[in-house]
Amino acid sequence: MEKKENTAPVRPGNDTARRAVKYVIWIAVILLLTNPWLIPFLPASAKSMMTNAVSSLLGDMTQVSSVLRFNWVAVIQLVVMVLVLRLVHLVLAEVLTRLKPKSGRVSTVMTLLRSAQSYIFVLIGIFWGLSILGVNVATMLAGVGVVALVLGFGAESLIADVVTGIFMIFENEYNVGDVIEVGGFRGTVDSIGIRTTCLRDGGDNIKVLNNSDIRNLTNLSQRGSTAVCDLPIPYEADLKQARAALENDLLPAFVENHPEIFHEVPTLLGVQQLADSAVVLRIIAVVDENDRFAAERWMREDLKTGMEKYGMGCPYNRIVVARG
């Protein structure tokens, strides 16, 4: 009997726990190398021997203690700091997840907050941790301007993405749930982050765009979109009778039969074309962009069925064969 292999997937939580344990081990190793005198239950002679061995291999590592406050109290404070930041991060994420925004603008702000909070907590953790280790954060921030200038040239695209994303939010160019078209790609805005925007197309595919790459976009949701239906009727039909059937019966029925799509009665514009075998009438309806294609499909189906009831079925080309 063959032994089945355990193919259970690794849970993300287990992987995070492993990484956390590795980080703790590395911190403990660095702490003990820089100050072996912190090792409990170790004779003084052994601690001196360990200090000399480390110094001969890596130099005087104890000098790090004069710059950074490495001790068990600092380690405990760092652990408490990480736990506090993690707890606050989880609480905020849960609150943002449970909130049900009623508008696209609020959804946009919430997705931006979800994206920005990770960066904010990382920065808070870095500066808080350095202050725990005895670093003068105020002095470091005073000289960070030069470093930021140097890094700015290397992270130019990152800064452009962040700045462009902020301006897009304040200028209200688009929100979560809007249908936009960028570079020939049409999709619904799924999320807006501090660096990227995600679009979802009709096939449920996600396209991720850097905010700085979004130029010359078309927001199709700012105003109502127009669904168009060209309805052919036979030349033999009475146009006045066709117009009366449409305006008094068939077109008003759309609001009653499909209220989730049609919020107002479609409009008959008139004769659009005198085709080879039919008179083409153009009908339009103002609908939401997300419903435009569905509205056009319903208009074609319902108008064909409705006009047949009035004896005005859609004409089609026929081949007449004459026998001599």
Protein backbone atom coordinates (compact mmCIF):
# COMPACT_ATOMS: atom_id res chain seq x y z
CA MET A 1 0.00 0.00 0.00
CA GLU A 2 1.52 3.29 -1.10
CA LYS A 3 2.02 6.00 1.44
CA LYS A 4 0.22 9.19 0.54
CA GLU A 5 2.23 12.36 0.70
CA ASN A 6 0.97 15.24 2.76
CA THR A 7 0.00 17.87 0.19
CA ALA A 8 -1.76 20.23 2.57
CA PRO A 9 -1.17 23.83 1.53
CA VAL A 10 0.99 26.02 3.72
CA ARG A 11 -1.10 28.60 5.48
CA PRO A 12 -0.03 32.22 5.17
CA GLY A 13 -0.19 32.61 8.93
CA ASN A 14 2.38 29.84 9.44
CA ASP A 15 4.72 31.48 6.94
CA THR A 16 4.41 34.82 8.75
CA ALA A 17 5.14 33.13 12.08
CA ARG A 18 8.30 31.52 10.64
CA ARG A 19 9.55 34.87 9.37
CA ALA A 20 8.84 36.48 12.74
CA VAL A 21 10.84 33.74 14.53
CA LYS A 22 13.75 34.24 12.11
CA TYR A 23 13.78 37.98 12.77
CA VAL A 24 13.76 37.41 16.54
CA ILE A 25 16.66 34.97 16.24
CA TRP A 26 18.69 37.41 14.16
CA ILE A 27 18.03 40.23 16.63
CA ALA A 28 19.10 37.99 19.51
CA VAL A 29 22.30 36.97 17.69
CA ILE A 30 23.22 40.59 16.93
CA LEU A 31 22.44 41.57 20.49
CA LEU A 32 24.65 38.84 21.95
CA LEU A 33 27.51 39.53 19.52
CA THR A 34 27.57 43.23 20.33
CA ASN A 35 27.37 42.66 24.08
CA PRO A 36 28.14 39.10 25.25
CA TRP A 37 27.88 40.28 28.86
CA LEU A 38 24.09 40.14 28.46
CA ILE A 39 24.16 36.33 28.24
CA PRO A 40 22.76 35.03 31.54
CA PHE A 41 24.26 32.11 33.49
CA LEU A 42 27.62 32.43 31.65
CA PRO A 43 30.87 32.80 33.63
CA ALA A 44 32.77 36.08 33.30
CA SER A 45 35.80 34.29 31.85
CA ALA A 46 33.67 32.76 29.11
CA LYS A 47 32.13 36.16 28.32
CA SER A 48 35.62 37.74 28.01
CA MET A 49 36.78 34.88 25.81
CA MET A 50 33.69 35.30 23.58
CA THR A 51 34.25 39.06 23.34
CA ASN A 52 37.88 38.56 22.29
CA ALA A 53 36.89 35.91 19.73
CA VAL A 54 34.24 38.12 18.14
CA SER A 55 36.62 41.10 18.08
CA SER A 56 39.34 39.08 16.35
CA LEU A 57 36.92 37.95 13.65
CA LEU A 58 34.64 40.97 13.12
CA GLY A 59 36.43 43.78 14.90
CA ASP A 60 35.29 45.47 18.05
CA MET A 61 31.55 44.84 17.77
CA THR A 62 31.01 46.27 21.24
CA GLN A 63 31.40 49.74 19.74
CA VAL A 64 27.89 49.34 18.40
CA SER A 65 26.68 49.59 21.97
CA SER A 66 27.97 53.16 22.14
CA VAL A 67 25.72 54.10 19.21
CA LEU A 68 22.70 51.84 19.71
CA ARG A 69 21.24 50.86 23.05
CA PHE A 70 21.29 47.07 22.66
CA ASN A 71 19.99 45.32 25.77
CA TRP A 72 17.15 43.07 26.83
CA VAL A 73 14.98 46.04 27.84
CA ALA A 74 15.30 47.48 24.32
CA VAL A 75 14.42 44.09 22.82
CA ILE A 76 11.29 43.84 24.95
CA GLN A 77 10.33 47.40 24.01
CA LEU A 78 10.80 46.57 20.31
CA VAL A 79 8.62 43.47 20.65
CA VAL A 80 5.89 45.48 22.42
CA MET A 81 6.13 48.18 19.72
CA VAL A 82 5.67 45.61 16.93
CA LEU A 83 2.70 44.03 18.72
CA VAL A 84 1.04 47.42 19.28
CA LEU A 85 1.50 48.53 15.67
CA ARG A 86 0.29 45.16 14.41
CA LEU A 87 -2.81 45.32 16.61
CA VAL A 88 -3.68 48.86 15.52
CA HIS A 89 -3.10 47.89 11.88
CA LEU A 90 -5.45 44.90 12.15
CA VAL A 91 -8.14 46.95 13.93
CA LEU A 92 -8.05 49.69 11.29
CA ALA A 93 -8.11 47.14 8.47
CA GLU A 94 -11.12 45.42 10.03
CA VAL A 95 -12.94 48.74 10.48
CA LEU A 96 -12.31 49.74 6.85
CA THR A 97 -13.47 46.31 5.68
CA ARG A 98 -16.73 46.44 7.64
CA LEU A 99 -17.66 49.95 6.54
CA LYS A 100 -20.14 49.98 3.68
CA PRO A 101 -19.62 53.15 1.65
CA LYS A 102 -22.67 54.61 -0.04
CA SER A 103 -20.81 56.53 -2.75
CA GLY A 104 -17.88 56.01 -5.05
CA ARG A 105 -16.08 58.97 -3.49
CA VAL A 106 -16.14 57.37 -0.03
CA SER A 107 -15.03 54.02 -1.53
CA THR A 108 -12.10 55.79 -3.18
CA VAL A 109 -10.97 57.35 0.10
CA MET A 110 -11.28 54.00 1.89
CA THR A 111 -9.20 52.10 -0.69
CA LEU A 112 -6.58 54.85 -0.56
CA LEU A 113 -6.46 54.57 3.24
CA ARG A 114 -6.04 50.79 3.02
CA SER A 115 -3.13 51.26 0.65
CA ALA A 116 -1.49 54.09 2.62
CA GLN A 117 -1.78 52.62 6.11
CA SER A 118 0.86 49.94 5.46
CA TYR A 119 3.40 52.56 4.38
CA ILE A 120 2.50 54.80 7.33
CA PHE A 121 2.88 52.00 9.89
CA VAL A 122 6.25 50.97 8.42
CA LEU A 123 7.56 54.53 8.75
CA ILE A 124 6.21 54.83 12.29
CA GLY A 125 7.80 51.51 13.20
CA ILE A 126 11.20 52.54 11.81
CA PHE A 127 11.38 55.86 13.66
CA TRP A 128 9.88 54.44 16.85
CA GLY A 129 12.32 51.53 16.80
CA LEU A 130 15.30 53.82 16.25
CA SER A 131 14.25 55.99 19.19
CA ILE A 132 14.00 52.87 21.38
CA LEU A 133 17.56 51.95 20.34
CA GLY A 134 18.79 55.36 21.46
CA VAL A 135 19.04 57.11 18.11
CA ASN A 136 18.30 60.84 18.10
CA VAL A 137 15.49 60.79 15.55
CA ALA A 138 15.17 64.59 15.50
CA THR A 139 18.81 64.99 14.47
CA MET A 140 18.43 62.28 11.87
CA LEU A 141 15.34 63.95 10.38
CA ALA A 142 17.23 67.23 10.16
CA GLY A 143 19.75 65.63 7.82
CA VAL A 144 17.31 63.47 5.92
CA GLY A 145 16.73 66.22 3.35
CA VAL A 146 20.02 65.52 1.57
CA VAL A 147 19.39 61.78 1.61
CA ALA A 148 15.86 62.28 0.29
CA LEU A 149 17.22 64.41 -2.52
CA VAL A 150 19.69 61.70 -3.52
CA LEU A 151 17.08 58.94 -3.28
CA GLY A 152 14.55 61.07 -5.13
CA PHE A 153 16.43 60.74 -8.39
CA GLY A 154 16.47 56.95 -8.07
CA ALA A 155 12.81 56.75 -7.01
CA GLU A 156 11.49 59.31 -9.47
CA SER A 157 8.80 57.01 -10.86
CA LEU A 158 7.64 56.03 -7.36
CA ILE A 159 7.28 59.67 -6.32
CA ALA A 160 5.47 60.47 -9.58
CA ASP A 161 2.99 57.63 -8.93
CA VAL A 162 2.26 58.84 -5.39
CA VAL A 163 1.94 62.52 -6.31
CA THR A 164 -0.25 61.76 -9.35
CA GLY A 165 -2.50 59.52 -7.26
CA ILE A 166 -2.97 62.27 -4.65
CA PHE A 167 -3.88 64.85 -7.29
CA MET A 168 -6.34 62.43 -8.92
CA ILE A 169 -8.11 61.96 -5.59
CA PHE A 170 -8.36 65.68 -4.82
CA GLU A 171 -9.43 66.60 -8.36
CA ASN A 172 -12.04 63.81 -8.32
CA GLU A 173 -11.13 62.63 -11.80
CA TYR A 174 -12.51 59.15 -11.11
CA ASN A 175 -13.69 57.07 -8.16
CA VAL A 176 -14.05 53.42 -7.27
CA GLY A 177 -16.89 51.96 -9.34
CA ASP A 178 -16.49 54.39 -12.24
CA VAL A 179 -16.02 53.06 -15.76
CA ILE A 180 -13.01 54.66 -17.41
CA GLU A 181 -11.04 54.13 -20.60
CA VAL A 182 -7.24 54.49 -20.59
CA GLY A 183 -5.03 53.69 -23.55
CA GLY A 184 -7.75 51.69 -25.27
CA PHE A 185 -8.49 49.61 -22.13
CA ARG A 186 -12.03 49.99 -20.80
CA GLY A 187 -12.84 48.81 -17.31
CA THR A 188 -14.39 49.51 -13.94
CA VAL A 189 -12.17 51.05 -11.27
CA ASP A 190 -11.73 48.22 -8.75
CA SER A 191 -9.38 49.99 -6.34
CA ILE A 192 -7.21 53.09 -6.11
CA GLY A 193 -3.94 52.77 -4.20
CA ILE A 194 -1.22 55.18 -3.21
CA ARG A 195 0.80 54.01 -6.24
CA THR A 196 -1.48 52.05 -8.57
CA THR A 197 -5.04 51.85 -9.89
CA CYS A 198 -6.73 48.52 -10.69
CA LEU A 199 -9.26 48.24 -13.51
CA ARG A 200 -11.59 45.26 -14.03
CA ASP A 201 -12.90 44.62 -17.55
CA GLY A 202 -16.01 42.74 -18.67
CA GLY A 203 -14.11 39.43 -18.62
CA ASP A 204 -13.23 39.93 -14.94
CA ASN A 205 -9.60 40.56 -15.83
CA ILE A 206 -7.60 42.94 -13.65
CA LYS A 207 -5.27 45.49 -15.21
CA VAL A 208 -2.89 47.29 -12.83
CA LEU A 209 -1.79 50.76 -13.92
CA ASN A 210 0.77 53.02 -12.29
CA ASN A 211 -0.93 56.29 -11.41
CA SER A 212 1.67 58.27 -13.34
CA ASP A 213 0.83 56.28 -16.51
CA ILE A 214 -2.85 57.27 -16.44
CA ARG A 215 -3.09 60.08 -18.96
CA ASN A 216 -5.87 61.25 -21.24
CA LEU A 217 -8.45 59.06 -19.53
CA THR A 218 -12.13 59.10 -20.39
CA ASN A 219 -14.52 58.81 -17.44
CA LEU A 220 -17.62 57.18 -18.87
CA SER A 221 -19.54 57.35 -15.59
CA GLN A 222 -19.56 61.08 -14.91
CA ARG A 223 -22.63 61.50 -17.10
CA GLY A 224 -25.28 59.10 -18.34
CA SER A 225 -24.27 57.03 -21.36
CA THR A 226 -26.38 56.62 -24.46
CA ALA A 227 -27.60 53.20 -25.54
CA VAL A 228 -28.46 53.14 -29.25
CA CYS A 229 -30.79 50.78 -31.10
CA ASP A 230 -31.48 50.96 -34.86
CA LEU A 231 -34.84 49.31 -35.57
CA PRO A 232 -35.65 48.34 -39.19
CA ILE A 233 -39.29 48.22 -40.27
CA PRO A 234 -40.69 47.26 -43.68
CA TYR A 235 -41.28 49.92 -46.33
CA GLU A 236 -44.88 48.74 -46.46
CA ALA A 237 -45.47 49.70 -42.81
CA ASP A 238 -47.22 52.92 -41.86
CA LEU A 239 -44.64 55.17 -40.18
CA LYS A 240 -47.29 57.02 -38.17
CA GLN A 241 -48.63 53.75 -36.86
CA ALA A 242 -45.09 52.56 -36.05
CA ARG A 243 -44.31 55.79 -34.19
CA ALA A 244 -47.55 55.55 -32.20
CA ALA A 245 -46.83 51.93 -31.24
CA LEU A 246 -43.35 52.82 -30.06
CA GLU A 247 -44.10 56.03 -28.18
CA ASN A 248 -47.38 54.97 -26.58
CA ASP A 249 -46.69 51.32 -25.79
CA LEU A 250 -43.32 49.71 -26.43
CA LEU A 251 -40.91 52.38 -25.22
CA PRO A 252 -42.68 53.21 -21.90
CA ALA A 253 -42.76 49.47 -21.14
CA PHE A 254 -38.96 49.44 -20.69
CA VAL A 255 -39.15 51.46 -17.47
CA GLU A 256 -41.71 49.01 -16.08
CA ASN A 257 -40.09 45.79 -17.32
CA HIS A 258 -36.42 46.72 -16.63
CA PRO A 259 -36.43 49.39 -13.90
CA GLU A 260 -32.89 48.50 -12.78
CA ILE A 261 -31.56 49.59 -16.20
CA PHE A 262 -34.01 52.10 -17.65
CA HIS A 263 -34.70 55.03 -15.33
CA GLU A 264 -36.44 57.05 -18.02
CA VAL A 265 -38.37 56.25 -21.19
CA PRO A 266 -36.20 55.76 -24.31
CA THR A 267 -36.51 58.37 -27.04
CA LEU A 268 -37.47 57.79 -30.68
CA LEU A 269 -35.29 60.16 -32.73
CA GLY A 270 -36.84 59.32 -36.10
CA VAL A 271 -35.75 57.86 -39.41
CA GLN A 272 -32.02 57.19 -39.36
CA GLN A 273 -31.63 55.53 -42.75
CA LEU A 274 -33.53 54.44 -45.85
CA ALA A 275 -31.88 51.08 -46.35
CA ASP A 276 -32.30 48.66 -49.27
CA SER A 277 -35.09 46.66 -47.68
CA ALA A 278 -36.17 48.64 -44.61
CA VAL A 279 -36.71 52.01 -43.03
CA VAL A 280 -34.34 52.24 -40.06
CA LEU A 281 -35.61 54.06 -36.98
CA ARG A 282 -33.11 55.17 -34.33
CA ILE A 283 -34.00 54.87 -30.64
CA ILE A 284 -31.76 56.00 -27.78
CA ALA A 285 -31.88 55.61 -24.01
CA VAL A 286 -29.83 57.37 -21.32
CA VAL A 287 -28.51 54.73 -18.90
CA ASP A 288 -25.55 54.12 -16.61
CA GLU A 289 -22.35 53.19 -18.42
CA ASN A 290 -22.28 49.80 -16.69
CA ASP A 291 -25.72 49.02 -18.16
CA ARG A 292 -25.20 50.38 -21.68
CA PHE A 293 -24.60 47.06 -23.45
CA ALA A 294 -27.34 45.30 -21.49
CA ALA A 295 -29.75 48.11 -22.40
CA GLU A 296 -28.97 47.78 -26.10
CA ARG A 297 -29.55 44.02 -25.98
CA TRP A 298 -32.92 44.42 -24.23
CA MET A 299 -33.99 47.12 -26.69
CA ARG A 300 -33.26 44.90 -29.70
CA GLU A 301 -35.08 41.91 -28.19
CA ASP A 302 -38.15 43.68 -26.82
CA LEU A 303 -38.63 45.96 -29.82
CA LYS A 304 -38.42 43.07 -32.29
CA THR A 305 -41.01 41.09 -30.30
CA GLY A 306 -43.22 44.12 -29.79
CA MET A 307 -43.24 45.27 -33.42
CA GLU A 308 -44.15 41.74 -34.56
CA LYS A 309 -47.34 42.04 -32.47
CA TYR A 310 -48.24 45.08 -34.55
CA GLY A 311 -47.54 43.20 -37.79
CA MET A 312 -44.27 45.05 -38.44
CA GLY A 313 -41.69 42.30 -38.20
CA CYS A 314 -38.09 43.10 -39.05
CA PRO A 315 -37.53 42.72 -42.81
CA TYR A 316 -34.74 40.60 -44.24
CA ASN A 317 -33.36 39.95 -47.67
CA ARG A 318 -35.22 37.33 -49.74
CA ILE A 319 -34.27 35.50 -52.89
CA VAL A 320 -37.11 35.05 -55.34
CA VAL A 321 -36.70 32.09 -57.70
CA ALA A 322 -38.90 32.21 -60.81
CA ARG A 323 -39.59 29.01 -62.67
CA GLY A 324 -39.94 29.39 -66.42
